[in-house]
Amino acid sequence: ENAIEAAEQTKDKWMSVDIYYEKGMLSMEIKNSFQHELDVEKNKLLSTKEEKGHGIGLANVRKMVEKYQGFMDVSNTNQIFIVKVMLYL
């Protein structure tokens, strides 16, 4: 949902989702265009939305990934937001 909303705010609207499973590992990579500045505090991405209940999506994903001893990386470069997740099944 966040990726779609961020891409909608850009001139060049796009998003890609790659999911694959190989040798007991589930990998996901979500990329999307974005144009605003990211608000980061204590190495955590903060929500730019004002409504209550926002800003917990990636935190919840990270908790789940850690619970199952996976890997998660969040990065951005050249107005591209990237989330990579690997889970061992």
N, C-alpha and C. Protein backbone atom coordinates (compact mmCIF):
# COMPACT_ATOMS: atom_id res chain seq x y z
N GLU A 1 0.82 -1.19 0.00
CA GLU A 1 0.00 0.00 0.00
C GLU A 1 0.87 1.26 0.00
N ASN A 2 1.90 1.26 0.84
CA ASN A 2 2.79 2.43 0.89
C ASN A 2 3.51 2.63 -0.44
N ALA A 3 3.96 1.54 -1.06
CA ALA A 3 4.67 1.64 -2.33
C ALA A 3 3.77 2.22 -3.41
N ILE A 4 2.54 1.80 -3.44
CA ILE A 4 1.58 2.30 -4.43
C ILE A 4 1.34 3.79 -4.21
N GLU A 5 1.09 4.17 -2.96
CA GLU A 5 0.82 5.57 -2.65
C GLU A 5 2.03 6.46 -2.97
N ALA A 6 3.22 5.99 -2.68
CA ALA A 6 4.42 6.78 -2.96
C ALA A 6 4.61 6.94 -4.47
N ALA A 7 4.42 5.86 -5.22
CA ALA A 7 4.59 5.92 -6.67
C ALA A 7 3.54 6.84 -7.31
N GLU A 8 2.34 6.84 -6.78
CA GLU A 8 1.28 7.69 -7.33
C GLU A 8 1.63 9.18 -7.25
N GLN A 9 2.49 9.55 -6.32
CA GLN A 9 2.85 10.95 -6.13
C GLN A 9 4.00 11.41 -7.03
N THR A 10 4.50 10.51 -7.88
CA THR A 10 5.63 10.85 -8.74
C THR A 10 5.18 11.08 -10.18
N LYS A 11 6.03 11.74 -10.92
CA LYS A 11 5.74 11.97 -12.34
C LYS A 11 5.82 10.65 -13.12
N ASP A 12 6.86 9.87 -12.86
CA ASP A 12 7.07 8.59 -13.52
C ASP A 12 6.60 7.48 -12.57
N LYS A 13 5.33 7.17 -12.58
CA LYS A 13 4.72 6.23 -11.64
C LYS A 13 5.08 4.79 -12.01
N TRP A 14 5.77 4.09 -11.12
CA TRP A 14 6.05 2.68 -11.37
C TRP A 14 6.34 1.95 -10.06
N MET A 15 6.16 0.66 -10.14
CA MET A 15 6.42 -0.24 -9.01
C MET A 15 6.71 -1.62 -9.57
N SER A 16 7.64 -2.33 -8.96
CA SER A 16 7.91 -3.71 -9.37
C SER A 16 7.96 -4.60 -8.14
N VAL A 17 7.49 -5.83 -8.31
CA VAL A 17 7.50 -6.82 -7.24
C VAL A 17 8.08 -8.10 -7.81
N ASP A 18 9.16 -8.57 -7.22
CA ASP A 18 9.78 -9.84 -7.62
C ASP A 18 9.75 -10.78 -6.43
N ILE A 19 9.17 -11.95 -6.65
CA ILE A 19 9.09 -12.97 -5.59
C ILE A 19 9.55 -14.29 -6.20
N TYR A 20 10.47 -14.95 -5.52
CA TYR A 20 10.87 -16.26 -6.00
C TYR A 20 11.29 -17.15 -4.83
N TYR A 21 11.21 -18.45 -5.08
CA TYR A 21 11.54 -19.46 -4.08
C TYR A 21 12.58 -20.38 -4.68
N GLU A 22 13.66 -20.60 -3.93
CA GLU A 22 14.71 -21.49 -4.40
C GLU A 22 15.44 -22.11 -3.22
N LYS A 23 15.54 -23.42 -3.21
CA LYS A 23 16.31 -24.15 -2.21
C LYS A 23 15.98 -23.73 -0.78
N GLY A 24 14.71 -23.67 -0.45
CA GLY A 24 14.29 -23.36 0.91
C GLY A 24 14.32 -21.89 1.28
N MET A 25 14.54 -21.01 0.31
CA MET A 25 14.59 -19.59 0.60
C MET A 25 13.55 -18.84 -0.25
N LEU A 26 12.71 -18.05 0.43
CA LEU A 26 11.74 -17.20 -0.22
C LEU A 26 12.31 -15.79 -0.25
N SER A 27 12.44 -15.23 -1.43
CA SER A 27 13.00 -13.89 -1.58
C SER A 27 11.96 -12.97 -2.21
N MET A 28 11.87 -11.77 -1.69
CA MET A 28 10.95 -10.76 -2.21
C MET A 28 11.70 -9.44 -2.33
N GLU A 29 11.44 -8.75 -3.43
CA GLU A 29 12.02 -7.43 -3.62
C GLU A 29 10.93 -6.52 -4.19
N ILE A 30 10.65 -5.44 -3.49
CA ILE A 30 9.65 -4.47 -3.92
C ILE A 30 10.38 -3.16 -4.17
N LYS A 31 10.19 -2.60 -5.36
CA LYS A 31 10.80 -1.32 -5.73
C LYS A 31 9.69 -0.40 -6.20
N ASN A 32 9.84 0.88 -5.89
CA ASN A 32 8.88 1.86 -6.40
C ASN A 32 9.52 3.23 -6.48
N SER A 33 8.95 4.05 -7.37
CA SER A 33 9.39 5.43 -7.48
C SER A 33 8.86 6.20 -6.28
N PHE A 34 9.59 7.22 -5.87
CA PHE A 34 9.12 8.12 -4.82
C PHE A 34 9.80 9.46 -5.01
N GLN A 35 9.22 10.52 -4.46
CA GLN A 35 9.82 11.83 -4.69
C GLN A 35 10.08 12.63 -3.43
N HIS A 36 9.51 12.27 -2.31
CA HIS A 36 9.70 13.08 -1.11
C HIS A 36 10.94 12.65 -0.34
N GLU A 37 11.34 13.48 0.60
CA GLU A 37 12.46 13.13 1.46
C GLU A 37 12.03 12.09 2.48
N LEU A 38 12.91 11.17 2.81
CA LEU A 38 12.60 10.15 3.80
C LEU A 38 12.92 10.69 5.19
N ASP A 39 12.05 10.39 6.14
CA ASP A 39 12.23 10.82 7.52
C ASP A 39 12.73 9.62 8.32
N VAL A 40 14.00 9.66 8.70
CA VAL A 40 14.63 8.54 9.40
C VAL A 40 15.06 9.00 10.78
N GLU A 41 14.72 8.20 11.79
CA GLU A 41 15.11 8.50 13.16
C GLU A 41 15.57 7.22 13.82
N LYS A 42 16.76 7.25 14.40
CA LYS A 42 17.33 6.07 15.06
C LYS A 42 17.29 4.86 14.13
N ASN A 43 17.71 5.06 12.88
CA ASN A 43 17.79 4.01 11.86
C ASN A 43 16.44 3.39 11.52
N LYS A 44 15.34 4.12 11.79
CA LYS A 44 14.00 3.65 11.45
C LYS A 44 13.33 4.68 10.56
N LEU A 45 12.64 4.19 9.55
CA LEU A 45 11.90 5.05 8.64
C LEU A 45 10.61 5.48 9.31
N LEU A 46 10.36 6.78 9.35
CA LEU A 46 9.15 7.31 9.97
C LEU A 46 8.10 7.61 8.91
N SER A 47 6.85 7.45 9.26
CA SER A 47 5.75 7.74 8.35
C SER A 47 5.60 9.23 8.15
N THR A 48 5.22 9.60 6.93
CA THR A 48 4.94 11.01 6.65
C THR A 48 3.44 11.27 6.71
N LYS A 49 2.65 10.24 7.01
CA LYS A 49 1.19 10.38 7.08
C LYS A 49 0.78 10.88 8.45
N GLU A 50 -0.24 11.71 8.48
CA GLU A 50 -0.69 12.29 9.73
C GLU A 50 -1.74 11.47 10.44
N GLU A 51 -2.44 10.59 9.72
CA GLU A 51 -3.51 9.81 10.35
C GLU A 51 -2.94 8.80 11.35
N LYS A 52 -3.67 8.56 12.40
CA LYS A 52 -3.26 7.61 13.43
C LYS A 52 -3.25 6.20 12.85
N GLY A 53 -2.27 5.39 13.28
CA GLY A 53 -2.20 4.01 12.84
C GLY A 53 -1.29 3.79 11.66
N HIS A 54 -0.68 4.85 11.15
CA HIS A 54 0.24 4.71 10.03
C HIS A 54 1.67 4.63 10.54
N GLY A 55 2.55 4.09 9.72
CA GLY A 55 3.96 4.04 10.07
C GLY A 55 4.38 2.76 10.75
N ILE A 56 3.53 1.74 10.77
CA ILE A 56 3.90 0.49 11.43
C ILE A 56 4.07 -0.66 10.44
N GLY A 57 3.83 -0.42 9.16
CA GLY A 57 3.89 -1.47 8.15
C GLY A 57 5.25 -2.13 8.05
N LEU A 58 6.30 -1.34 7.78
CA LEU A 58 7.63 -1.92 7.67
C LEU A 58 8.14 -2.44 9.00
N ALA A 59 7.75 -1.81 10.09
CA ALA A 59 8.15 -2.29 11.42
C ALA A 59 7.56 -3.68 11.68
N ASN A 60 6.31 -3.88 11.27
CA ASN A 60 5.69 -5.20 11.43
C ASN A 60 6.36 -6.24 10.55
N VAL A 61 6.71 -5.86 9.34
CA VAL A 61 7.40 -6.78 8.45
C VAL A 61 8.74 -7.16 9.07
N ARG A 62 9.46 -6.17 9.59
CA ARG A 62 10.77 -6.44 10.20
C ARG A 62 10.63 -7.39 11.39
N LYS A 63 9.61 -7.20 12.22
CA LYS A 63 9.38 -8.10 13.36
C LYS A 63 9.17 -9.53 12.91
N MET A 64 8.36 -9.70 11.86
CA MET A 64 8.09 -11.04 11.34
C MET A 64 9.36 -11.67 10.77
N VAL A 65 10.13 -10.88 10.03
CA VAL A 65 11.37 -11.38 9.45
C VAL A 65 12.34 -11.80 10.55
N GLU A 66 12.48 -11.00 11.58
CA GLU A 66 13.37 -11.33 12.69
C GLU A 66 12.88 -12.56 13.44
N LYS A 67 11.57 -12.68 13.63
CA LYS A 67 11.00 -13.82 14.33
C LYS A 67 11.38 -15.14 13.64
N TYR A 68 11.40 -15.11 12.31
CA TYR A 68 11.71 -16.32 11.55
C TYR A 68 13.15 -16.33 11.05
N GLN A 69 14.00 -15.50 11.67
CA GLN A 69 15.43 -15.45 11.42
C GLN A 69 15.77 -15.23 9.95
N GLY A 70 15.03 -14.32 9.34
CA GLY A 70 15.28 -13.96 7.96
C GLY A 70 16.13 -12.71 7.85
N PHE A 71 16.06 -12.07 6.72
CA PHE A 71 16.86 -10.88 6.42
C PHE A 71 15.96 -9.85 5.76
N MET A 72 16.13 -8.58 6.15
CA MET A 72 15.38 -7.50 5.53
C MET A 72 16.30 -6.30 5.34
N ASP A 73 16.22 -5.71 4.17
CA ASP A 73 17.02 -4.53 3.86
C ASP A 73 16.11 -3.49 3.23
N VAL A 74 16.18 -2.27 3.73
CA VAL A 74 15.42 -1.15 3.18
C VAL A 74 16.44 -0.11 2.73
N SER A 75 16.32 0.31 1.47
CA SER A 75 17.26 1.29 0.96
C SER A 75 16.56 2.20 -0.04
N ASN A 76 17.25 3.26 -0.41
CA ASN A 76 16.73 4.16 -1.45
C ASN A 76 17.91 4.79 -2.16
N THR A 77 17.72 4.96 -3.45
CA THR A 77 18.74 5.59 -4.27
C THR A 77 18.08 6.14 -5.53
N ASN A 78 18.48 7.33 -5.92
CA ASN A 78 17.96 7.95 -7.14
C ASN A 78 16.44 7.91 -7.22
N GLN A 79 15.77 8.25 -6.11
CA GLN A 79 14.31 8.30 -6.05
C GLN A 79 13.65 6.94 -6.30
N ILE A 80 14.37 5.87 -5.92
CA ILE A 80 13.82 4.51 -5.96
C ILE A 80 13.89 3.96 -4.55
N PHE A 81 12.75 3.51 -4.04
CA PHE A 81 12.66 2.93 -2.70
C PHE A 81 12.67 1.41 -2.87
N ILE A 82 13.51 0.72 -2.11
CA ILE A 82 13.70 -0.72 -2.28
C ILE A 82 13.58 -1.43 -0.93
N VAL A 83 12.76 -2.48 -0.91
CA VAL A 83 12.65 -3.34 0.26
C VAL A 83 12.95 -4.77 -0.20
N LYS A 84 13.95 -5.40 0.45
CA LYS A 84 14.31 -6.78 0.14
C LYS A 84 14.08 -7.61 1.39
N VAL A 85 13.44 -8.76 1.21
CA VAL A 85 13.17 -9.68 2.33
C VAL A 85 13.55 -11.08 1.89
N MET A 86 14.24 -11.80 2.78
CA MET A 86 14.56 -13.21 2.54
C MET A 86 14.13 -14.00 3.77
N LEU A 87 13.39 -15.07 3.53
CA LEU A 87 12.94 -15.94 4.60
C LEU A 87 13.37 -17.38 4.29
N TYR A 88 13.83 -18.06 5.30
CA TYR A 88 14.24 -19.46 5.14
C TYR A 88 13.08 -20.34 5.56
N LEU A 89 12.63 -21.17 4.64
CA LEU A 89 11.46 -22.03 4.91
C LEU A 89 11.87 -23.48 5.03
